[in-house]
């Protein structure tokens, strides 16, 4: 399935250096030098703690948890390291590239405060940086847009110089599915006469265990394999947050207006099990309250997909159209690091 891509870059912090034998650029040092280059990340992914948004700005208050595996020497390079905002678009964690020819694989996740994470697996994945198990507690009231990324970079030797990676693309993915709603009036006659009070998504899960493996990364095709969810807890009926009852206007565009933030739900990897049961619309017409429960034909969702239900109110009926889109991106595939 298609995935929405977000990107970060791992880079060398610029340090001044010189050599009489080799022209040294910003990301190189002479072989045998002890000049270190700090590993840093630059992100374009916006992952707020309480709502999914995709305007391409990673808040400076956000951190990312990172592990790295030294492929050349088959060992953990570092694990469970928090990278925080440093300056500009840079996040640092006090880690440096090795001063030898090496390939380093990175695994990161973001926006997972208040839950638990365990790095590493049992045999055969003995390395801690081989993967991480994330246990998300009930996410319905303080939703988190959990994201993760896998990528690779390293150090190469060119003549008498070591060259450090300056831009390692990391494709951040959303771990959950996003279900949201739009509302519109059918025509000017019905516009303003219907008040949408609330929408409740029925029978969805907001907790679970998510496993990400370093082996998901494919050097040829990029990050093509998703992590795996195991939902937990009972299915719940949850009201779409951040919506104040309002009259539904008609503006002739047919686009509708967003209803609240939508909800992030945990997909179930079992195809036969619906990921939600239905949704219920509560509305008022001519001072009288009504409710209408709609059961879509397709009730399975995939991670990193955005499911939009456009609700059109007529004085005599309700029409609902469904669409599925890729979950936006940050608008850039290669972020300059400075």
Protein backbone atom coordinates (compact mmCIF):
# COMPACT_ATOMS: atom_id res chain seq x y z
CA UNK A 1 0.00 0.00 0.00
CA UNK A 2 1.09 3.50 -0.67
CA UNK A 3 2.59 5.44 2.15
CA UNK A 4 2.90 9.11 2.86
CA UNK A 5 6.51 10.11 3.07
CA UNK A 6 8.15 12.52 5.44
CA UNK A 7 11.85 13.26 5.41
CA UNK A 8 14.67 14.04 7.78
CA UNK A 9 18.39 14.42 7.06
CA UNK A 10 21.36 13.28 9.12
CA UNK A 11 24.30 15.61 8.67
CA UNK A 12 27.74 16.67 9.77
CA UNK A 13 28.08 19.84 11.80
CA UNK A 14 30.49 22.16 9.98
CA UNK A 15 33.93 22.35 11.57
CA UNK A 16 36.87 24.27 10.14
CA UNK A 17 39.86 22.15 9.05
CA UNK A 18 42.80 22.26 6.69
CA UNK A 19 45.41 20.01 5.12
CA UNK A 20 48.42 20.54 2.90
CA UNK A 21 47.79 17.29 1.02
CA UNK A 22 44.02 17.03 0.60
CA UNK A 23 41.38 19.67 -0.01
CA UNK A 24 39.02 19.26 2.93
CA UNK A 25 35.35 20.14 2.45
CA UNK A 26 32.81 20.79 5.17
CA UNK A 27 32.10 17.08 5.61
CA UNK A 28 35.60 15.60 5.35
CA UNK A 29 38.69 15.24 7.58
CA UNK A 30 42.13 13.71 6.92
CA UNK A 31 42.51 9.99 7.63
CA UNK A 32 43.88 9.60 11.16
CA UNK A 33 42.42 12.90 12.30
CA UNK A 34 40.53 13.03 15.58
CA UNK A 35 38.19 15.76 14.33
CA UNK A 36 34.66 14.55 14.95
CA UNK A 37 31.46 15.33 13.06
CA UNK A 38 28.26 15.37 15.09
CA UNK A 39 25.25 13.44 13.83
CA UNK A 40 22.24 15.72 13.51
CA UNK A 41 18.76 15.46 12.06
CA UNK A 42 16.74 18.02 10.16
CA UNK A 43 13.02 17.35 9.94
CA UNK A 44 10.13 18.59 7.82
CA UNK A 45 7.51 16.41 9.49
CA UNK A 46 4.92 18.12 11.66
CA UNK A 47 3.61 15.81 14.38
CA UNK A 48 1.54 17.60 16.99
CA UNK A 49 0.69 15.71 20.16
CA UNK A 50 -3.07 16.19 19.91
CA UNK A 51 -3.95 16.37 16.21
CA UNK A 52 -2.65 15.18 12.86
CA UNK A 53 -1.45 18.09 10.75
CA UNK A 54 0.74 18.18 7.67
CA UNK A 55 2.08 21.68 7.14
CA UNK A 56 5.66 20.46 7.08
CA UNK A 57 7.00 22.10 10.25
CA UNK A 58 8.44 19.89 12.98
CA UNK A 59 7.86 21.80 16.25
CA UNK A 60 11.05 22.73 18.05
CA UNK A 61 9.45 21.43 21.26
CA UNK A 62 9.30 17.91 19.80
CA UNK A 63 12.04 15.34 20.30
CA UNK A 64 12.82 12.12 18.46
CA UNK A 65 14.15 8.90 19.93
CA UNK A 66 16.91 7.34 17.82
CA UNK A 67 18.94 4.13 17.69
CA UNK A 68 21.82 3.38 15.31
CA UNK A 69 23.39 0.12 14.13
CA UNK A 70 26.97 -0.19 12.87
CA UNK A 71 26.53 -2.46 9.85
CA UNK A 72 30.25 -2.72 9.09
CA UNK A 73 31.10 -4.12 12.52
CA UNK A 74 27.73 -5.79 13.30
CA UNK A 75 27.17 -3.93 16.55
CA UNK A 76 24.94 -1.38 18.17
CA UNK A 77 26.37 2.08 17.54
CA UNK A 78 24.00 3.76 20.00
CA UNK A 79 20.53 3.06 21.35
CA UNK A 80 17.67 4.92 23.03
CA UNK A 81 19.11 8.40 22.43
CA UNK A 82 16.92 11.48 22.56
CA UNK A 83 17.59 14.06 19.85
CA UNK A 84 16.33 17.55 20.75
CA UNK A 85 16.15 20.82 18.86
CA UNK A 86 19.50 22.60 18.73
CA UNK A 87 19.23 25.54 16.34
CA UNK A 88 17.53 26.36 13.04
CA UNK A 89 16.23 23.06 11.68
CA UNK A 90 18.75 20.91 13.53
CA UNK A 91 18.11 18.27 16.22
CA UNK A 92 21.16 16.87 18.03
CA UNK A 93 21.79 14.15 20.58
CA UNK A 94 25.51 14.35 21.35
CA UNK A 95 26.45 11.48 19.02
CA UNK A 96 29.24 11.53 16.42
CA UNK A 97 30.07 9.71 13.21
CA UNK A 98 32.78 7.02 13.60
CA UNK A 99 36.28 8.03 12.50
CA UNK A 100 36.55 4.99 10.25
CA UNK A 101 34.84 3.65 7.13
CA UNK A 102 31.44 2.54 8.36
CA UNK A 103 27.80 2.18 7.35
CA UNK A 104 25.28 3.23 9.99
CA UNK A 105 21.57 2.37 9.93
CA UNK A 106 19.22 4.66 11.85
CA UNK A 107 15.84 3.86 13.38
CA UNK A 108 13.76 6.64 14.92
CA UNK A 109 10.32 7.33 16.30
CA UNK A 110 8.66 10.57 17.38
CA UNK A 111 5.68 11.73 19.39
CA UNK A 112 5.39 8.89 21.86
CA UNK A 113 5.35 10.65 25.21
CA UNK A 114 3.50 8.95 28.03
CA UNK A 115 3.79 5.42 26.63
CA UNK A 116 6.49 2.74 26.73
CA UNK A 117 9.25 1.67 24.36
CA UNK A 118 11.58 -1.35 24.49
CA UNK A 119 14.55 -1.47 22.14
CA UNK A 120 15.77 -4.82 20.81
CA UNK A 121 14.33 -8.30 20.35
CA UNK A 122 15.17 -11.87 21.20
CA UNK A 123 17.21 -14.04 18.83
CA UNK A 124 18.02 -13.64 15.99
CA UNK A 125 17.71 -9.83 16.36
CA UNK A 126 20.01 -9.54 19.36
CA UNK A 127 21.13 -5.99 18.55
CA UNK A 128 19.07 -3.40 20.40
CA UNK A 129 19.08 -1.11 17.37
CA UNK A 130 17.52 -3.87 15.28
CA UNK A 131 14.08 -2.65 16.27
CA UNK A 132 11.76 -1.27 18.86
CA UNK A 133 8.47 -2.32 20.43
CA UNK A 134 6.15 0.58 21.21
CA UNK A 135 3.21 0.07 23.54
CA UNK A 136 0.61 2.79 23.04
CA UNK A 137 -1.79 3.27 25.91
CA UNK A 138 -5.34 4.50 25.33
CA UNK A 139 -4.92 7.30 22.81
CA UNK A 140 -8.46 8.63 22.45
CA UNK A 141 -8.35 11.69 24.72
CA UNK A 142 -4.79 12.96 24.10
CA UNK A 143 -4.08 11.73 20.61
CA UNK A 144 -0.51 11.36 19.43
CA UNK A 145 0.52 11.21 15.79
CA UNK A 146 3.06 8.39 16.20
CA UNK A 147 5.67 8.38 13.44
CA UNK A 148 8.79 6.36 12.69
CA UNK A 149 11.64 6.33 10.19
CA UNK A 150 14.43 4.08 9.01
CA UNK A 151 17.46 5.17 6.97
CA UNK A 152 21.16 4.69 6.40
CA UNK A 153 24.32 6.82 6.18
CA UNK A 154 27.98 6.55 7.02
CA UNK A 155 31.64 7.32 6.49
CA UNK A 156 33.67 6.68 3.33
CA UNK A 157 37.34 7.08 2.47
CA UNK A 158 38.48 9.05 -0.58
CA UNK A 159 42.24 9.11 -0.99
CA UNK A 160 43.54 10.55 2.28
CA UNK A 161 40.20 11.89 3.53
CA UNK A 162 37.22 10.51 5.39
CA UNK A 163 33.90 11.75 4.02
CA UNK A 164 30.88 11.92 6.31
CA UNK A 165 27.26 11.72 5.20
CA UNK A 166 25.78 15.19 4.94
CA UNK A 167 22.22 14.33 3.92
CA UNK A 168 20.73 10.98 4.84
CA UNK A 169 17.06 10.84 3.79
CA UNK A 170 14.73 9.34 6.40
CA UNK A 171 11.18 8.61 5.28
CA UNK A 172 8.98 9.25 8.31
CA UNK A 173 5.70 7.30 8.27
CA UNK A 174 2.52 7.63 10.26
CA UNK A 175 1.82 4.51 12.31
CA UNK A 176 -1.94 5.03 12.65
CA UNK A 177 -4.85 5.68 10.32
CA UNK A 178 -6.58 9.08 10.28
CA UNK A 179 -10.38 9.17 10.01
CA UNK A 180 -11.92 12.62 9.54
CA UNK A 181 -15.18 14.22 8.47
CA UNK A 182 -16.36 17.11 6.31
CA UNK A 183 -19.84 18.68 6.39
CA UNK A 184 -21.77 20.73 3.84
CA UNK A 185 -25.33 21.83 3.06
CA UNK A 186 -26.95 20.48 -0.11
CA UNK A 187 -28.18 23.88 -1.32
CA UNK A 188 -29.07 27.37 -0.14
CA UNK A 189 -32.46 26.13 1.06
CA UNK A 190 -30.95 23.71 3.56
CA UNK A 191 -27.94 25.88 4.37
CA UNK A 192 -28.02 27.25 7.91
CA UNK A 193 -31.09 25.25 8.91
CA UNK A 194 -29.16 22.17 10.10
CA UNK A 195 -26.88 22.27 13.14
CA UNK A 196 -24.28 19.52 13.41
CA UNK A 197 -23.97 18.71 17.10
CA UNK A 198 -21.39 15.91 17.06
CA UNK A 199 -20.04 12.87 15.24
CA UNK A 200 -19.12 9.68 17.07
CA UNK A 201 -16.84 7.05 15.56
CA UNK A 202 -18.09 3.68 16.81
CA UNK A 203 -16.15 0.52 17.56
CA UNK A 204 -12.58 1.70 17.00
CA UNK A 205 -9.42 0.93 18.99
CA UNK A 206 -7.01 3.51 20.37
CA UNK A 207 -4.37 1.35 22.04
CA UNK A 208 -1.97 -1.36 20.94
CA UNK A 209 1.56 -2.63 20.45
CA UNK A 210 3.55 -1.52 17.41
CA UNK A 211 6.76 -3.29 16.35
CA UNK A 212 9.26 -1.65 14.00
CA UNK A 213 12.24 -3.61 12.67
CA UNK A 214 15.44 -2.21 11.20
CA UNK A 215 15.20 -4.89 8.51
CA UNK A 216 12.17 -3.07 7.12
CA UNK A 217 14.63 -0.78 5.36
CA UNK A 218 15.43 -1.64 1.72
CA UNK A 219 18.44 0.20 0.26
CA UNK A 220 17.13 -0.14 -3.30
CA UNK A 221 13.47 0.76 -2.98
CA UNK A 222 13.48 2.71 0.28
CA UNK A 223 11.29 2.02 3.26
CA UNK A 224 8.64 -0.26 1.77
CA UNK A 225 7.53 -2.44 4.69
CA UNK A 226 5.36 -1.05 7.46
CA UNK A 227 5.62 -1.90 11.12
CA UNK A 228 3.08 -4.29 12.62
CA UNK A 229 0.20 -3.40 14.96
CA UNK A 230 -1.45 -5.62 17.54
CA UNK A 231 -4.47 -3.64 18.85
CA UNK A 232 -5.38 -3.99 22.52
CA UNK A 233 -8.27 -3.02 24.76
CA UNK A 234 -11.95 -2.85 23.95
CA UNK A 235 -13.35 -1.11 20.89
CA UNK A 236 -14.80 2.27 21.90
CA UNK A 237 -17.25 4.89 20.69
CA UNK A 238 -15.43 8.24 20.66
CA UNK A 239 -16.66 11.71 19.74
CA UNK A 240 -14.65 13.64 17.18
CA UNK A 241 -12.72 16.24 19.23
CA UNK A 242 -12.52 20.01 18.85
CA UNK A 243 -15.92 20.55 17.28
CA UNK A 244 -18.45 23.10 18.57
CA UNK A 245 -22.05 22.60 17.40
CA UNK A 246 -22.57 24.87 14.42
CA UNK A 247 -25.05 25.52 11.64
CA UNK A 248 -23.98 23.99 8.35
CA UNK A 249 -23.57 26.70 5.75
CA UNK A 250 -23.88 26.46 1.97
CA UNK A 251 -21.26 28.29 -0.06
CA UNK A 252 -21.73 26.63 -3.43
CA UNK A 253 -18.28 25.08 -3.49
CA UNK A 254 -19.34 21.56 -2.59
CA UNK A 255 -16.12 21.12 -0.63
CA UNK A 256 -17.60 21.10 2.84
CA UNK A 257 -15.95 22.25 6.07
CA UNK A 258 -13.76 20.11 8.34
CA UNK A 259 -15.51 18.75 11.43
CA UNK A 260 -12.99 18.90 14.28
CA UNK A 261 -9.63 17.15 14.03
CA UNK A 262 -10.75 13.68 13.11
CA UNK A 263 -9.46 10.66 15.01
CA UNK A 264 -6.27 8.60 14.88
CA UNK A 265 -7.10 4.92 15.25
CA UNK A 266 -5.06 1.72 15.46
CA UNK A 267 -5.38 -0.54 12.40
CA UNK A 268 -5.88 -4.26 12.92
CA UNK A 269 -3.69 -6.42 10.70
CA UNK A 270 -6.43 -9.08 10.56
CA UNK A 271 -8.34 -8.31 7.31
CA UNK A 272 -11.55 -10.00 8.49
CA UNK A 273 -11.83 -7.78 11.57
CA UNK A 274 -13.34 -4.31 10.87
CA UNK A 275 -11.22 -1.49 12.26
CA UNK A 276 -14.36 0.46 13.15
CA UNK A 277 -18.04 -0.41 13.15
CA UNK A 278 -19.85 2.75 12.03
CA UNK A 279 -20.25 6.43 12.86
CA UNK A 280 -23.21 8.30 14.30
CA UNK A 281 -24.19 11.84 13.34
CA UNK A 282 -26.08 13.92 15.88
CA UNK A 283 -27.77 16.99 14.40
CA UNK A 284 -30.61 19.43 14.98
CA UNK A 285 -33.21 20.46 12.38
CA UNK A 286 -35.88 23.10 13.14
CA UNK A 287 -35.17 22.76 16.85
CA UNK A 288 -35.59 18.98 16.94
CA UNK A 289 -32.67 16.63 17.65
CA UNK A 290 -31.93 13.68 15.34
CA UNK A 291 -29.28 10.99 15.07
CA UNK A 292 -28.24 8.90 12.12
CA UNK A 293 -25.83 5.93 12.17
CA UNK A 294 -23.95 5.16 8.98
CA UNK A 295 -22.17 1.84 8.34
CA UNK A 296 -19.71 2.05 5.41
CA UNK A 297 -19.16 -0.96 3.20
CA UNK A 298 -15.40 -0.70 3.80
CA UNK A 299 -14.52 -0.48 7.50
CA UNK A 300 -10.88 -1.57 7.36
CA UNK A 301 -8.14 1.05 7.42
CA UNK A 302 -4.43 1.05 6.68
CA UNK A 303 -1.76 2.94 8.55
CA UNK A 304 -0.60 6.22 6.98
CA UNK A 305 -3.88 6.58 5.06
CA UNK A 306 -6.40 9.41 5.50
CA UNK A 307 -10.08 8.39 5.32
CA UNK A 308 -12.44 11.32 4.71
CA UNK A 309 -16.25 11.15 4.94
CA UNK A 310 -18.04 14.09 3.36
CA UNK A 311 -21.52 14.54 4.88
CA UNK A 312 -24.02 16.59 2.87
CA UNK A 313 -27.19 17.72 4.67
CA UNK A 314 -30.44 18.12 2.75
CA UNK A 315 -33.69 19.06 4.43
CA UNK A 316 -35.00 15.57 3.67
CA UNK A 317 -31.92 13.33 3.60
CA UNK A 318 -28.22 12.93 4.34
CA UNK A 319 -25.72 11.95 1.66
CA UNK A 320 -22.27 10.60 2.51
CA UNK A 321 -19.31 10.19 0.18
CA UNK A 322 -16.07 8.48 1.20
CA UNK A 323 -12.54 9.02 -0.06
CA UNK A 324 -9.11 7.66 0.80
CA UNK A 325 -5.95 9.68 0.27
CA UNK A 326 -2.29 9.45 1.11
CA UNK A 327 -1.63 11.19 4.38
CA UNK A 328 0.07 14.41 3.14
CA UNK A 329 3.77 15.16 3.28
CA UNK A 330 6.11 17.88 4.32
CA UNK A 331 6.52 19.20 0.79
CA UNK A 332 10.21 18.44 0.39
CA UNK A 333 12.28 15.38 -0.47
CA UNK A 334 15.70 16.78 0.38
CA UNK A 335 16.12 19.25 3.20
CA UNK A 336 19.28 21.35 3.24
CA UNK A 337 21.28 21.02 6.44
CA UNK A 338 23.25 23.95 7.79
